[in-house]
Amino acid sequence: MRLESFEINNYRSIAQLEINPCGDFNVLIGRNNSGKSNILASIEVFFSALRPEVINTSPPIGQEIDFFQRDLKNNIQLRATFSPSEAEMQQLLDEIAIERPQVKKLLEEIGSDALLVVTTVFTPPPKKFAFVQSVVLLTEDGPRTIIEIDEAVAAELHGNVAGMERRIAANQALNRAVNPPYETSCSRSTSASPISPRRSPRQKPPPHLS
């Protein structure tokens, strides 16, 4: 899957930046502390939000310093446009049809030359989390929205997931306290060489009685 363009909003030293198009070979040139490393880091951060769980409760960013001019009123938004191969696009459409069978007929009209646009959002502290805000297919007939999650809905999902993770952690801590690990005689290791069992002396046959 080829990365065609990448857009950064409110991330560290970058208020807004769009890299379009992304070629086969890209060179970033600039002065020290001009944001070159932040561009590369933002791409890595973008992929950290692409998880089956929808909500990432432990994103790699989310501190005050990660937001442009430490502005915690606005989210960090990262958007990538991909050009899938024909096989990748078909696999994507098949998976969407399984998840949303009501749009199966509509998906059949989408050509293999469609572009895939994925937008991720990272919220500021104290409730920092990341989620996929939207997945859109750009076709000749216009954009087709596949997934769209409102921030309020994402916050509610985050609360549910975070609560479940806290309960799991509490149960694990309780199990460790109630069932502390112990060492058995079978698992105890020793550096001494094993002792061979002593052989009993061979018994003599009874004397022959005439």
C-alpha atoms as a PDB file:
ATOM      1  CA  MET A   1       0.000   0.000   0.000  1.00  0.00           C
ATOM      2  CA  ARG A   2       1.563   3.264  -1.159  1.00  0.00           C
ATOM      3  CA  LEU A   3       1.451   6.453   0.927  1.00  0.00           C
ATOM      4  CA  GLU A   4       0.278   9.253  -1.365  1.00  0.00           C
ATOM      5  CA  SER A   5      -0.027  12.177   1.081  1.00  0.00           C
ATOM      6  CA  PHE A   6       0.205  12.940   4.783  1.00  0.00           C
ATOM      7  CA  GLU A   7      -1.309  15.763   6.815  1.00  0.00           C
ATOM      8  CA  ILE A   8      -0.256  16.889  10.305  1.00  0.00           C
ATOM      9  CA  ASN A   9      -2.243  19.158  12.611  1.00  0.00           C
ATOM     10  CA  ASN A  10      -1.268  20.487  16.059  1.00  0.00           C
ATOM     11  CA  TYR A  11       1.667  18.110  16.590  1.00  0.00           C
ATOM     12  CA  ARG A  12       4.684  19.437  18.494  1.00  0.00           C
ATOM     13  CA  SER A  13       6.361  22.147  16.389  1.00  0.00           C
ATOM     14  CA  ILE A  14       3.914  21.702  13.490  1.00  0.00           C
ATOM     15  CA  ALA A  15       0.675  23.698  13.497  1.00  0.00           C
ATOM     16  CA  GLN A  16      -0.412  22.443  10.076  1.00  0.00           C
ATOM     17  CA  LEU A  17       1.499  20.696   7.315  1.00  0.00           C
ATOM     18  CA  GLU A  18       0.533  18.643   4.289  1.00  0.00           C
ATOM     19  CA  ILE A  19       3.026  16.540   2.351  1.00  0.00           C
ATOM     20  CA  ASN A  20       1.491  16.019  -1.069  1.00  0.00           C
ATOM     21  CA  PRO A  21       2.464  14.095  -3.036  1.00  0.00           C
ATOM     22  CA  CYS A  22       4.712  11.584  -1.315  1.00  0.00           C
ATOM     23  CA  GLY A  23       7.084  10.180  -3.889  1.00  0.00           C
ATOM     24  CA  ASP A  24       9.063   6.970  -3.983  1.00  0.00           C
ATOM     25  CA  PHE A  25      12.013   8.777  -2.415  1.00  0.00           C
ATOM     26  CA  ASN A  26      11.616  11.794  -0.140  1.00  0.00           C
ATOM     27  CA  VAL A  27      14.317  14.036   1.312  1.00  0.00           C
ATOM     28  CA  LEU A  28      13.646  16.406   4.218  1.00  0.00           C
ATOM     29  CA  ILE A  29      15.909  19.436   4.215  1.00  0.00           C
ATOM     30  CA  GLY A  30      15.854  22.134   6.892  1.00  0.00           C
ATOM     31  CA  ARG A  31      17.674  23.837   9.721  1.00  0.00           C
ATOM     32  CA  ASN A  32      18.180  22.179  13.089  1.00  0.00           C
ATOM     33  CA  ASN A  33      15.000  22.095  15.205  1.00  0.00           C
ATOM     34  CA  SER A  34      12.871  23.004  12.189  1.00  0.00           C
ATOM     35  CA  GLY A  35      10.600  19.961  12.566  1.00  0.00           C
ATOM     36  CA  LYS A  36      12.120  17.310  10.295  1.00  0.00           C
ATOM     37  CA  SER A  37      12.212  14.676  13.039  1.00  0.00           C
ATOM     38  CA  ASN A  38       8.662  15.541  14.076  1.00  0.00           C
ATOM     39  CA  ILE A  39       7.423  14.786  10.558  1.00  0.00           C
ATOM     40  CA  LEU A  40       8.938  11.309  10.673  1.00  0.00           C
ATOM     41  CA  ALA A  41       7.740  10.751  14.241  1.00  0.00           C
ATOM     42  CA  SER A  42       4.185  11.756  13.323  1.00  0.00           C
ATOM     43  CA  ILE A  43       4.004   9.035  10.670  1.00  0.00           C
ATOM     44  CA  GLU A  44       5.070   6.427  13.211  1.00  0.00           C
ATOM     45  CA  VAL A  45       2.562   7.811  15.725  1.00  0.00           C
ATOM     46  CA  PHE A  46      -0.202   7.647  13.103  1.00  0.00           C
ATOM     47  CA  PHE A  47       0.175   3.885  12.715  1.00  0.00           C
ATOM     48  CA  SER A  48       0.068   3.371  16.494  1.00  0.00           C
ATOM     49  CA  ALA A  49      -3.617   4.374  16.423  1.00  0.00           C
ATOM     50  CA  LEU A  50      -4.536   1.695  13.872  1.00  0.00           C
ATOM     51  CA  ARG A  51      -5.638  -1.065  16.225  1.00  0.00           C
ATOM     52  CA  PRO A  52      -8.482  -3.611  16.146  1.00  0.00           C
ATOM     53  CA  GLU A  53      -9.688  -2.278  19.517  1.00  0.00           C
ATOM     54  CA  VAL A  54     -10.702   1.058  17.873  1.00  0.00           C
ATOM     55  CA  ILE A  55      -9.631   2.952  21.009  1.00  0.00           C
ATOM     56  CA  ASN A  56      -5.961   3.048  22.019  1.00  0.00           C
ATOM     57  CA  THR A  57      -5.866   3.825  25.746  1.00  0.00           C
ATOM     58  CA  SER A  58      -2.050   3.971  25.861  1.00  0.00           C
ATOM     59  CA  PRO A  59      -0.902   6.006  22.849  1.00  0.00           C
ATOM     60  CA  PRO A  60       2.816   6.796  22.545  1.00  0.00           C
ATOM     61  CA  ILE A  61       2.055  10.531  22.741  1.00  0.00           C
ATOM     62  CA  GLY A  62      -0.312  12.666  24.783  1.00  0.00           C
ATOM     63  CA  GLN A  63       1.867  14.806  27.007  1.00  0.00           C
ATOM     64  CA  GLU A  64       1.534  18.582  27.015  1.00  0.00           C
ATOM     65  CA  ILE A  65       4.780  18.932  25.057  1.00  0.00           C
ATOM     66  CA  ASP A  66       3.318  16.854  22.187  1.00  0.00           C
ATOM     67  CA  PHE A  67       0.752  19.553  21.351  1.00  0.00           C
ATOM     68  CA  PHE A  68       1.621  22.598  19.269  1.00  0.00           C
ATOM     69  CA  GLN A  69       2.591  25.469  21.586  1.00  0.00           C
ATOM     70  CA  ARG A  70       1.296  23.298  24.451  1.00  0.00           C
ATOM     71  CA  ASP A  71      -2.256  24.064  23.351  1.00  0.00           C
ATOM     72  CA  LEU A  72      -4.434  21.414  25.005  1.00  0.00           C
ATOM     73  CA  LYS A  73      -7.689  22.808  23.631  1.00  0.00           C
ATOM     74  CA  ASN A  74      -7.206  21.136  20.250  1.00  0.00           C
ATOM     75  CA  ASN A  75      -6.537  17.504  19.420  1.00  0.00           C
ATOM     76  CA  ILE A  76      -3.651  16.218  17.382  1.00  0.00           C
ATOM     77  CA  GLN A  77      -4.966  15.077  14.011  1.00  0.00           C
ATOM     78  CA  LEU A  78      -2.992  12.975  11.547  1.00  0.00           C
ATOM     79  CA  ARG A  79      -4.405  12.039   8.144  1.00  0.00           C
ATOM     80  CA  ALA A  80      -2.887   9.679   5.575  1.00  0.00           C
ATOM     81  CA  THR A  81      -3.982   8.961   2.008  1.00  0.00           C
ATOM     82  CA  PHE A  82      -3.053   5.574   0.603  1.00  0.00           C
ATOM     83  CA  SER A  83      -3.155   4.064  -2.854  1.00  0.00           C
ATOM     84  CA  PRO A  84      -3.863   0.338  -2.367  1.00  0.00           C
ATOM     85  CA  SER A  85      -3.001  -2.265  -4.947  1.00  0.00           C
ATOM     86  CA  GLU A  86      -5.874  -4.034  -6.678  1.00  0.00           C
ATOM     87  CA  ALA A  87      -5.508  -7.061  -4.392  1.00  0.00           C
ATOM     88  CA  GLU A  88      -5.340  -4.885  -1.266  1.00  0.00           C
ATOM     89  CA  MET A  89      -8.421  -2.923  -2.301  1.00  0.00           C
ATOM     90  CA  GLN A  90     -10.382  -6.108  -2.970  1.00  0.00           C
ATOM     91  CA  GLN A  91      -9.392  -7.516   0.421  1.00  0.00           C
ATOM     92  CA  LEU A  92     -10.440  -4.264   2.094  1.00  0.00           C
ATOM     93  CA  LEU A  93     -13.823  -4.234   0.347  1.00  0.00           C
ATOM     94  CA  ASP A  94     -14.419  -7.890   1.256  1.00  0.00           C
ATOM     95  CA  GLU A  95     -13.712  -7.190   4.928  1.00  0.00           C
ATOM     96  CA  ILE A  96     -16.008  -4.149   4.898  1.00  0.00           C
ATOM     97  CA  ALA A  97     -18.769  -6.215   3.295  1.00  0.00           C
ATOM     98  CA  ILE A  98     -18.472  -8.776   6.086  1.00  0.00           C
ATOM     99  CA  GLU A  99     -18.667  -6.106   8.791  1.00  0.00           C
ATOM    100  CA  ARG A 100     -21.381  -4.086   7.046  1.00  0.00           C
ATOM    101  CA  PRO A 101     -23.382  -6.363   4.715  1.00  0.00           C
ATOM    102  CA  GLN A 102     -25.948  -3.595   4.103  1.00  0.00           C
ATOM    103  CA  VAL A 103     -23.419  -1.711   1.929  1.00  0.00           C
ATOM    104  CA  LYS A 104     -22.223  -4.743  -0.030  1.00  0.00           C
ATOM    105  CA  LYS A 105     -23.991  -3.682  -3.230  1.00  0.00           C
ATOM    106  CA  LEU A 106     -22.598  -0.179  -2.917  1.00  0.00           C
ATOM    107  CA  LEU A 107     -19.069  -1.526  -2.528  1.00  0.00           C
ATOM    108  CA  GLU A 108     -19.362  -3.422  -5.793  1.00  0.00           C
ATOM    109  CA  GLU A 109     -19.462  -0.079  -7.611  1.00  0.00           C
ATOM    110  CA  ILE A 110     -16.101   1.050  -6.182  1.00  0.00           C
ATOM    111  CA  GLY A 111     -13.206   0.609  -8.574  1.00  0.00           C
ATOM    112  CA  SER A 112      -9.777  -0.667  -7.699  1.00  0.00           C
ATOM    113  CA  ASP A 113      -8.276   2.784  -8.357  1.00  0.00           C
ATOM    114  CA  ALA A 114      -9.967   4.359  -5.297  1.00  0.00           C
ATOM    115  CA  LEU A 115      -7.828   6.059  -2.656  1.00  0.00           C
ATOM    116  CA  LEU A 116      -8.050   5.233   1.044  1.00  0.00           C
ATOM    117  CA  VAL A 117      -8.030   8.159   3.496  1.00  0.00           C
ATOM    118  CA  VAL A 118      -7.575   7.401   7.206  1.00  0.00           C
ATOM    119  CA  THR A 119      -7.794  10.106   9.889  1.00  0.00           C
ATOM    120  CA  THR A 120      -6.548   9.501  13.439  1.00  0.00           C
ATOM    121  CA  VAL A 121      -7.014  11.715  16.508  1.00  0.00           C
ATOM    122  CA  PHE A 122      -4.975  11.980  19.715  1.00  0.00           C
ATOM    123  CA  THR A 123      -6.632  13.729  22.644  1.00  0.00           C
ATOM    124  CA  PRO A 124      -4.837  15.821  25.296  1.00  0.00           C
ATOM    125  CA  PRO A 125      -4.428  14.890  28.962  1.00  0.00           C
ATOM    126  CA  PRO A 126      -5.737  14.080  31.458  1.00  0.00           C
ATOM    127  CA  LYS A 127      -7.890  11.614  29.472  1.00  0.00           C
ATOM    128  CA  LYS A 128      -5.427  10.954  26.701  1.00  0.00           C
ATOM    129  CA  PHE A 129      -6.318   8.326  24.125  1.00  0.00           C
ATOM    130  CA  ALA A 130      -6.208   7.804  20.368  1.00  0.00           C
ATOM    131  CA  PHE A 131      -8.797   6.592  17.884  1.00  0.00           C
ATOM    132  CA  VAL A 132      -9.523   6.330  14.171  1.00  0.00           C
ATOM    133  CA  GLN A 133     -11.868   9.215  13.451  1.00  0.00           C
ATOM    134  CA  SER A 134     -12.760   8.274   9.898  1.00  0.00           C
ATOM    135  CA  VAL A 135     -12.033   5.937   7.013  1.00  0.00           C
ATOM    136  CA  VAL A 136     -13.035   7.271   3.596  1.00  0.00           C
ATOM    137  CA  LEU A 137     -12.724   5.893   0.068  1.00  0.00           C
ATOM    138  CA  LEU A 138     -12.121   8.519  -2.613  1.00  0.00           C
ATOM    139  CA  THR A 139     -13.787   7.329  -5.813  1.00  0.00           C
ATOM    140  CA  GLU A 140     -14.563   8.914  -9.174  1.00  0.00           C
ATOM    141  CA  ASP A 141     -18.101   9.552  -7.926  1.00  0.00           C
ATOM    142  CA  GLY A 142     -16.894  11.304  -4.778  1.00  0.00           C
ATOM    143  CA  PRO A 143     -15.944  10.291  -1.220  1.00  0.00           C
ATOM    144  CA  ARG A 144     -17.570   7.256   0.385  1.00  0.00           C
ATOM    145  CA  THR A 145     -17.387   7.268   4.198  1.00  0.00           C
ATOM    146  CA  ILE A 146     -16.813   3.790   5.601  1.00  0.00           C
ATOM    147  CA  ILE A 147     -16.171   4.624   9.266  1.00  0.00           C
ATOM    148  CA  GLU A 148     -16.834   7.816  11.181  1.00  0.00           C
ATOM    149  CA  ILE A 149     -16.527   8.136  14.970  1.00  0.00           C
ATOM    150  CA  ASP A 150     -17.532  11.278  16.813  1.00  0.00           C
ATOM    151  CA  GLU A 151     -15.191  12.461  19.584  1.00  0.00           C
ATOM    152  CA  ALA A 152     -17.968  12.232  22.189  1.00  0.00           C
ATOM    153  CA  VAL A 153     -18.623   8.613  21.213  1.00  0.00           C
ATOM    154  CA  ALA A 154     -14.894   7.895  21.294  1.00  0.00           C
ATOM    155  CA  ALA A 155     -14.647   9.415  24.794  1.00  0.00           C
ATOM    156  CA  GLU A 156     -17.479   7.171  25.981  1.00  0.00           C
ATOM    157  CA  LEU A 157     -15.796   4.109  24.467  1.00  0.00           C
ATOM    158  CA  HIS A 158     -12.537   5.161  26.110  1.00  0.00           C
ATOM    159  CA  GLY A 159     -14.247   5.309  29.501  1.00  0.00           C
ATOM    160  CA  ASN A 160     -15.659   1.810  29.034  1.00  0.00           C
ATOM    161  CA  VAL A 161     -12.351   0.348  27.858  1.00  0.00           C
ATOM    162  CA  ALA A 162     -10.315   2.102  30.559  1.00  0.00           C
ATOM    163  CA  GLY A 163     -12.728   0.887  33.239  1.00  0.00           C
ATOM    164  CA  MET A 164     -12.466  -2.672  31.977  1.00  0.00           C
ATOM    165  CA  GLU A 165      -8.658  -2.493  31.924  1.00  0.00           C
ATOM    166  CA  ARG A 166      -8.628  -1.206  35.519  1.00  0.00           C
ATOM    167  CA  ARG A 167     -10.862  -4.086  36.638  1.00  0.00           C
ATOM    168  CA  ILE A 168      -8.608  -6.616  34.902  1.00  0.00           C
ATOM    169  CA  ALA A 169      -5.512  -5.104  36.532  1.00  0.00           C
ATOM    170  CA  ALA A 170      -7.199  -5.155  39.953  1.00  0.00           C
ATOM    171  CA  ASN A 171      -8.175  -8.806  39.542  1.00  0.00           C
ATOM    172  CA  GLN A 172      -4.653  -9.717  38.517  1.00  0.00           C
ATOM    173  CA  ALA A 173      -3.222  -7.901  41.548  1.00  0.00           C
ATOM    174  CA  LEU A 174      -5.706  -9.696  43.809  1.00  0.00           C
ATOM    175  CA  ASN A 175      -4.772 -13.073  42.342  1.00  0.00           C
ATOM    176  CA  ARG A 176      -1.089 -12.379  42.938  1.00  0.00           C
ATOM    177  CA  ALA A 177      -1.814 -11.412  46.546  1.00  0.00           C
ATOM    178  CA  VAL A 178      -4.024 -14.423  47.276  1.00  0.00           C
ATOM    179  CA  ASN A 179      -1.901 -16.922  45.354  1.00  0.00           C
ATOM    180  CA  PRO A 180       1.732 -15.866  45.795  1.00  0.00           C
ATOM    181  CA  PRO A 181       4.269 -17.833  43.804  1.00  0.00           C
ATOM    182  CA  TYR A 182       5.947 -20.563  45.802  1.00  0.00           C
ATOM    183  CA  GLU A 183       8.782 -22.947  45.171  1.00  0.00           C
ATOM    184  CA  THR A 184       8.223 -26.677  45.174  1.00  0.00           C
ATOM    185  CA  SER A 185      10.776 -29.360  45.821  1.00  0.00           C
ATOM    186  CA  CYS A 186      10.355 -30.480  42.213  1.00  0.00           C
ATOM    187  CA  SER A 187      11.152 -27.039  40.796  1.00  0.00           C
ATOM    188  CA  ARG A 188      14.107 -26.350  43.148  1.00  0.00           C
ATOM    189  CA  SER A 189      17.353 -26.488  41.261  1.00  0.00           C
ATOM    190  CA  THR A 190      20.764 -27.383  42.704  1.00  0.00           C
ATOM    191  CA  SER A 191      24.268 -27.151  41.412  1.00  0.00           C
ATOM    192  CA  ALA A 192      25.288 -30.456  42.940  1.00  0.00           C
ATOM    193  CA  SER A 193      25.598 -33.407  40.641  1.00  0.00           C
ATOM    194  CA  PRO A 194      22.797 -35.948  40.870  1.00  0.00           C
ATOM    195  CA  ILE A 195      23.376 -38.855  43.248  1.00  0.00           C
ATOM    196  CA  SER A 196      22.922 -42.265  41.749  1.00  0.00           C
ATOM    197  CA  PRO A 197      20.840 -44.630  43.854  1.00  0.00           C
ATOM    198  CA  ARG A 198      22.930 -47.217  45.731  1.00  0.00           C
ATOM    199  CA  ARG A 199      22.630 -50.655  44.269  1.00  0.00           C
ATOM    200  CA  SER A 200      21.700 -53.409  46.638  1.00  0.00           C
ATOM    201  CA  PRO A 201      24.232 -56.232  46.840  1.00  0.00           C
ATOM    202  CA  ARG A 202      23.472 -59.233  44.711  1.00  0.00           C
ATOM    203  CA  GLN A 203      21.827 -61.951  46.779  1.00  0.00           C
ATOM    204  CA  LYS A 204      23.484 -65.366  46.795  1.00  0.00           C
ATOM    205  CA  PRO A 205      21.373 -68.359  45.801  1.00  0.00           C
ATOM    206  CA  PRO A 206      20.322 -70.578  48.699  1.00  0.00           C
ATOM    207  CA  PRO A 207      22.511 -73.647  49.360  1.00  0.00           C
ATOM    208  CA  HIS A 208      21.498 -76.911  47.629  1.00  0.00           C
ATOM    209  CA  LEU A 209      19.971 -79.418  50.000  1.00  0.00           C
ATOM    210  CA  SER A 210      20.436 -83.069  49.172  1.00  0.00           C
END
